[in-house]
Amino acid sequence: MKQFRLDQLEAERTAHNGAYLRFLRERSMSAGLYALNVGDTDSQGPQRQDVLNFVVSGHAEVTVGGETTRVARGSIVYVPAHTPCKFHHITEDLRVMVIFSPPEG
């Protein structure tokens, strides 16, 4: 069993001065914590994998392909492989658990 705590993942991500921390990589999937603060620009490009974004905290808009919606704590957004996805209009620091299948990297 592997078990993770969001507060510990956030501390590790912050210690490495990065917006993204991959905390799990298995044969069929991987997971990470992505952080964007108010005023940050989401610089991610389309991913090679299918992606599931689970908003842990914060408020923003997300555009997937040509569709835009508001997201907040509890929102789940699926992004098919090779589809552009950007978080923007971040009004409260955003923390997103990201699940890739197959695993990234």
N, C-alpha and C. Protein backbone atom coordinates (compact mmCIF):
# COMPACT_ATOMS: atom_id res chain seq x y z
N MET A 1 0.84 -1.18 0.00
CA MET A 1 0.00 0.00 0.00
C MET A 1 0.88 1.23 0.00
N LYS A 2 0.46 2.23 -0.75
CA LYS A 2 1.11 3.53 -0.74
C LYS A 2 0.07 4.53 -0.28
N GLN A 3 0.46 5.39 0.62
CA GLN A 3 -0.46 6.36 1.20
C GLN A 3 0.21 7.72 1.18
N PHE A 4 -0.57 8.78 0.88
CA PHE A 4 -0.02 10.12 0.77
C PHE A 4 -0.92 11.10 1.51
N ARG A 5 -0.33 12.18 2.01
CA ARG A 5 -1.08 13.26 2.65
C ARG A 5 -0.83 14.53 1.87
N LEU A 6 -1.89 15.24 1.57
CA LEU A 6 -1.77 16.45 0.77
C LEU A 6 -0.86 17.48 1.42
N ASP A 7 -0.92 17.65 2.74
CA ASP A 7 -0.06 18.64 3.38
C ASP A 7 1.41 18.28 3.23
N GLN A 8 1.75 17.00 3.29
CA GLN A 8 3.14 16.58 3.09
C GLN A 8 3.57 16.73 1.64
N LEU A 9 2.69 16.43 0.70
CA LEU A 9 3.01 16.62 -0.72
C LEU A 9 3.23 18.09 -1.02
N GLU A 10 2.38 18.94 -0.47
CA GLU A 10 2.53 20.40 -0.68
C GLU A 10 3.85 20.89 -0.11
N ALA A 11 4.24 20.41 1.07
CA ALA A 11 5.53 20.81 1.66
C ALA A 11 6.69 20.35 0.80
N GLU A 12 6.62 19.14 0.27
CA GLU A 12 7.69 18.62 -0.59
C GLU A 12 7.76 19.41 -1.90
N ARG A 13 6.61 19.72 -2.49
CA ARG A 13 6.57 20.50 -3.72
C ARG A 13 7.18 21.87 -3.50
N THR A 14 6.81 22.52 -2.40
CA THR A 14 7.34 23.84 -2.07
C THR A 14 8.85 23.79 -1.84
N ALA A 15 9.33 22.76 -1.17
CA ALA A 15 10.77 22.62 -0.90
C ALA A 15 11.58 22.49 -2.18
N HIS A 16 10.96 21.96 -3.24
CA HIS A 16 11.66 21.80 -4.51
C HIS A 16 11.43 22.98 -5.46
N ASN A 17 10.75 24.04 -4.97
CA ASN A 17 10.52 25.27 -5.73
C ASN A 17 9.90 25.00 -7.10
N GLY A 18 8.97 24.08 -7.16
CA GLY A 18 8.34 23.78 -8.43
C GLY A 18 6.83 23.86 -8.36
N ALA A 19 6.20 24.02 -9.52
CA ALA A 19 4.75 24.06 -9.58
C ALA A 19 4.17 22.64 -9.58
N TYR A 20 5.01 21.64 -9.91
CA TYR A 20 4.51 20.27 -10.05
C TYR A 20 5.40 19.30 -9.29
N LEU A 21 4.76 18.38 -8.59
CA LEU A 21 5.47 17.30 -7.89
C LEU A 21 4.81 15.98 -8.25
N ARG A 22 5.55 15.12 -8.97
CA ARG A 22 5.02 13.77 -9.21
C ARG A 22 5.29 12.97 -7.95
N PHE A 23 4.24 12.36 -7.40
CA PHE A 23 4.41 11.59 -6.17
C PHE A 23 4.14 10.10 -6.35
N LEU A 24 3.69 9.70 -7.55
CA LEU A 24 3.41 8.29 -7.77
C LEU A 24 3.62 7.97 -9.24
N ARG A 25 4.32 6.87 -9.51
CA ARG A 25 4.46 6.37 -10.88
C ARG A 25 4.36 4.86 -10.82
N GLU A 26 3.35 4.34 -11.50
CA GLU A 26 3.13 2.90 -11.56
C GLU A 26 3.06 2.49 -13.04
N ARG A 27 2.90 1.21 -13.29
CA ARG A 27 2.91 0.68 -14.65
C ARG A 27 1.84 1.32 -15.53
N SER A 28 0.65 1.54 -15.00
CA SER A 28 -0.46 2.01 -15.83
C SER A 28 -0.89 3.45 -15.58
N MET A 29 -0.29 4.14 -14.58
CA MET A 29 -0.70 5.51 -14.29
C MET A 29 0.34 6.20 -13.43
N SER A 30 0.26 7.52 -13.39
CA SER A 30 1.08 8.29 -12.46
C SER A 30 0.23 9.43 -11.92
N ALA A 31 0.69 10.03 -10.82
CA ALA A 31 -0.07 11.11 -10.18
C ALA A 31 0.88 12.16 -9.66
N GLY A 32 0.38 13.39 -9.66
CA GLY A 32 1.18 14.49 -9.15
C GLY A 32 0.30 15.58 -8.58
N LEU A 33 0.96 16.54 -7.93
CA LEU A 33 0.28 17.70 -7.37
C LEU A 33 0.76 18.92 -8.15
N TYR A 34 -0.18 19.67 -8.72
CA TYR A 34 0.11 20.85 -9.54
C TYR A 34 -0.40 22.07 -8.78
N ALA A 35 0.42 23.12 -8.71
CA ALA A 35 0.07 24.32 -7.96
C ALA A 35 0.21 25.55 -8.83
N LEU A 36 -0.82 26.35 -8.85
CA LEU A 36 -0.80 27.66 -9.50
C LEU A 36 -1.39 28.66 -8.52
N ASN A 37 -0.67 29.75 -8.28
CA ASN A 37 -1.16 30.77 -7.36
C ASN A 37 -1.82 31.90 -8.14
N VAL A 38 -2.57 32.72 -7.43
CA VAL A 38 -3.20 33.88 -8.05
C VAL A 38 -2.11 34.66 -8.80
N GLY A 39 -2.37 34.98 -10.07
CA GLY A 39 -1.42 35.72 -10.87
C GLY A 39 -0.46 34.86 -11.67
N ASP A 40 -0.38 33.56 -11.38
CA ASP A 40 0.50 32.66 -12.15
C ASP A 40 -0.09 32.39 -13.52
N THR A 41 0.80 32.04 -14.46
CA THR A 41 0.40 31.63 -15.80
C THR A 41 0.63 30.14 -15.94
N ASP A 42 -0.36 29.42 -16.41
CA ASP A 42 -0.26 27.98 -16.65
C ASP A 42 0.48 27.79 -17.97
N SER A 43 1.67 27.22 -17.89
CA SER A 43 2.51 27.08 -19.09
C SER A 43 2.48 25.66 -19.66
N GLN A 44 1.62 24.81 -19.16
CA GLN A 44 1.59 23.43 -19.65
C GLN A 44 1.11 23.38 -21.10
N GLY A 45 1.66 22.43 -21.83
CA GLY A 45 1.21 22.16 -23.18
C GLY A 45 0.36 20.91 -23.19
N PRO A 46 -0.16 20.53 -24.35
CA PRO A 46 -0.94 19.29 -24.43
C PRO A 46 -0.11 18.09 -23.94
N GLN A 47 -0.75 17.20 -23.21
CA GLN A 47 -0.08 16.02 -22.68
C GLN A 47 -0.23 14.85 -23.64
N ARG A 48 0.71 13.93 -23.60
CA ARG A 48 0.64 12.73 -24.44
C ARG A 48 -0.30 11.67 -23.87
N GLN A 49 -0.72 11.86 -22.62
CA GLN A 49 -1.56 10.89 -21.93
C GLN A 49 -2.94 11.48 -21.68
N ASP A 50 -3.91 10.62 -21.40
CA ASP A 50 -5.17 11.09 -20.85
C ASP A 50 -4.89 11.61 -19.45
N VAL A 51 -5.60 12.67 -19.06
CA VAL A 51 -5.34 13.31 -17.76
C VAL A 51 -6.66 13.53 -17.03
N LEU A 52 -6.64 13.23 -15.73
CA LEU A 52 -7.76 13.53 -14.86
C LEU A 52 -7.26 14.56 -13.85
N ASN A 53 -7.90 15.74 -13.81
CA ASN A 53 -7.54 16.81 -12.88
C ASN A 53 -8.59 16.88 -11.78
N PHE A 54 -8.16 16.71 -10.54
CA PHE A 54 -9.05 16.82 -9.39
C PHE A 54 -8.63 18.06 -8.60
N VAL A 55 -9.50 19.07 -8.54
CA VAL A 55 -9.17 20.31 -7.84
C VAL A 55 -9.31 20.08 -6.34
N VAL A 56 -8.18 20.18 -5.67
CA VAL A 56 -8.12 19.98 -4.22
C VAL A 56 -8.52 21.26 -3.49
N SER A 57 -8.09 22.41 -4.03
CA SER A 57 -8.44 23.70 -3.44
C SER A 57 -8.24 24.80 -4.47
N GLY A 58 -8.90 25.93 -4.22
CA GLY A 58 -8.75 27.09 -5.08
C GLY A 58 -9.92 27.29 -6.02
N HIS A 59 -9.82 28.39 -6.78
CA HIS A 59 -10.85 28.75 -7.76
C HIS A 59 -10.15 29.26 -9.02
N ALA A 60 -10.63 28.84 -10.17
CA ALA A 60 -10.06 29.27 -11.45
C ALA A 60 -11.02 28.92 -12.57
N GLU A 61 -10.60 29.24 -13.77
CA GLU A 61 -11.26 28.74 -14.97
C GLU A 61 -10.28 27.79 -15.64
N VAL A 62 -10.81 26.83 -16.38
CA VAL A 62 -9.97 25.93 -17.15
C VAL A 62 -10.56 25.86 -18.56
N THR A 63 -9.68 25.88 -19.54
CA THR A 63 -10.09 25.70 -20.92
C THR A 63 -9.49 24.40 -21.42
N VAL A 64 -10.34 23.52 -21.92
CA VAL A 64 -9.93 22.22 -22.48
C VAL A 64 -10.41 22.23 -23.93
N GLY A 65 -9.44 22.17 -24.86
CA GLY A 65 -9.82 22.32 -26.25
C GLY A 65 -10.44 23.69 -26.42
N GLY A 66 -11.67 23.76 -26.86
CA GLY A 66 -12.37 25.04 -27.02
C GLY A 66 -13.41 25.32 -25.97
N GLU A 67 -13.49 24.49 -24.92
CA GLU A 67 -14.51 24.66 -23.88
C GLU A 67 -13.90 25.21 -22.61
N THR A 68 -14.59 26.17 -21.99
CA THR A 68 -14.13 26.79 -20.75
C THR A 68 -15.18 26.61 -19.67
N THR A 69 -14.72 26.34 -18.43
CA THR A 69 -15.62 26.22 -17.29
C THR A 69 -14.91 26.71 -16.04
N ARG A 70 -15.68 27.07 -15.02
CA ARG A 70 -15.13 27.44 -13.71
C ARG A 70 -14.89 26.16 -12.92
N VAL A 71 -13.80 26.15 -12.16
CA VAL A 71 -13.51 25.02 -11.29
C VAL A 71 -13.21 25.52 -9.88
N ALA A 72 -13.48 24.66 -8.92
CA ALA A 72 -13.23 24.94 -7.51
C ALA A 72 -13.03 23.60 -6.81
N ARG A 73 -12.77 23.66 -5.52
CA ARG A 73 -12.56 22.44 -4.74
C ARG A 73 -13.64 21.40 -5.06
N GLY A 74 -13.17 20.20 -5.41
CA GLY A 74 -14.08 19.11 -5.72
C GLY A 74 -14.35 18.92 -7.20
N SER A 75 -13.97 19.90 -8.03
CA SER A 75 -14.17 19.76 -9.48
C SER A 75 -13.23 18.70 -10.04
N ILE A 76 -13.74 17.93 -11.00
CA ILE A 76 -12.94 16.92 -11.69
C ILE A 76 -13.06 17.18 -13.19
N VAL A 77 -11.91 17.31 -13.87
CA VAL A 77 -11.90 17.63 -15.29
C VAL A 77 -11.07 16.58 -16.02
N TYR A 78 -11.67 15.92 -16.99
CA TYR A 78 -10.97 14.95 -17.83
C TYR A 78 -10.47 15.66 -19.08
N VAL A 79 -9.20 15.37 -19.44
CA VAL A 79 -8.59 15.94 -20.62
C VAL A 79 -8.03 14.80 -21.48
N PRO A 80 -8.58 14.58 -22.67
CA PRO A 80 -8.06 13.53 -23.54
C PRO A 80 -6.62 13.84 -23.98
N ALA A 81 -5.85 12.82 -24.24
CA ALA A 81 -4.48 12.99 -24.71
C ALA A 81 -4.44 13.95 -25.89
N HIS A 82 -3.36 14.74 -25.95
CA HIS A 82 -3.07 15.67 -27.05
C HIS A 82 -4.05 16.84 -27.15
N THR A 83 -4.86 17.07 -26.12
CA THR A 83 -5.81 18.18 -26.12
C THR A 83 -5.25 19.32 -25.27
N PRO A 84 -5.20 20.55 -25.82
CA PRO A 84 -4.72 21.68 -25.01
C PRO A 84 -5.59 21.88 -23.77
N CYS A 85 -4.92 22.21 -22.66
CA CYS A 85 -5.61 22.46 -21.39
C CYS A 85 -4.84 23.56 -20.65
N LYS A 86 -5.56 24.59 -20.21
CA LYS A 86 -4.94 25.69 -19.46
C LYS A 86 -5.86 26.13 -18.34
N PHE A 87 -5.27 26.32 -17.15
CA PHE A 87 -5.97 26.97 -16.05
C PHE A 87 -5.69 28.47 -16.17
N HIS A 88 -6.70 29.30 -15.90
CA HIS A 88 -6.52 30.75 -16.01
C HIS A 88 -7.55 31.44 -15.12
N HIS A 89 -7.46 32.76 -15.04
CA HIS A 89 -8.34 33.55 -14.17
C HIS A 89 -8.38 32.91 -12.77
N ILE A 90 -7.21 32.69 -12.23
CA ILE A 90 -7.09 32.06 -10.90
C ILE A 90 -7.40 33.12 -9.85
N THR A 91 -8.48 32.93 -9.11
CA THR A 91 -8.89 33.90 -8.10
C THR A 91 -8.57 33.46 -6.68
N GLU A 92 -8.18 32.21 -6.52
CA GLU A 92 -7.73 31.68 -5.23
C GLU A 92 -6.68 30.61 -5.55
N ASP A 93 -5.55 30.62 -4.82
CA ASP A 93 -4.47 29.68 -5.10
C ASP A 93 -5.03 28.29 -5.38
N LEU A 94 -4.54 27.69 -6.48
CA LEU A 94 -5.10 26.45 -7.01
C LEU A 94 -4.17 25.29 -6.73
N ARG A 95 -4.72 24.19 -6.21
CA ARG A 95 -3.97 22.94 -6.04
C ARG A 95 -4.78 21.84 -6.72
N VAL A 96 -4.11 21.14 -7.64
CA VAL A 96 -4.79 20.15 -8.46
C VAL A 96 -4.03 18.83 -8.39
N MET A 97 -4.72 17.74 -8.03
CA MET A 97 -4.13 16.42 -8.15
C MET A 97 -4.35 15.98 -9.59
N VAL A 98 -3.25 15.61 -10.24
CA VAL A 98 -3.27 15.26 -11.65
C VAL A 98 -2.95 13.78 -11.80
N ILE A 99 -3.79 13.04 -12.53
CA ILE A 99 -3.58 11.62 -12.74
C ILE A 99 -3.42 11.39 -14.24
N PHE A 100 -2.30 10.75 -14.62
CA PHE A 100 -1.98 10.47 -16.00
C PHE A 100 -2.12 8.98 -16.29
N SER A 101 -2.69 8.64 -17.43
CA SER A 101 -2.75 7.26 -17.85
C SER A 101 -2.57 7.20 -19.38
N PRO A 102 -1.54 6.49 -19.84
CA PRO A 102 -0.49 5.81 -19.09
C PRO A 102 0.38 6.82 -18.34
N PRO A 103 1.33 6.37 -17.52
CA PRO A 103 2.11 7.28 -16.71
C PRO A 103 2.91 8.26 -17.55
N GLU A 104 3.10 9.46 -17.00
CA GLU A 104 3.92 10.45 -17.67
C GLU A 104 5.39 10.20 -17.36
N GLY A 105 6.23 10.72 -18.20
CA GLY A 105 7.69 10.62 -17.98
C GLY A 105 8.18 9.25 -18.13
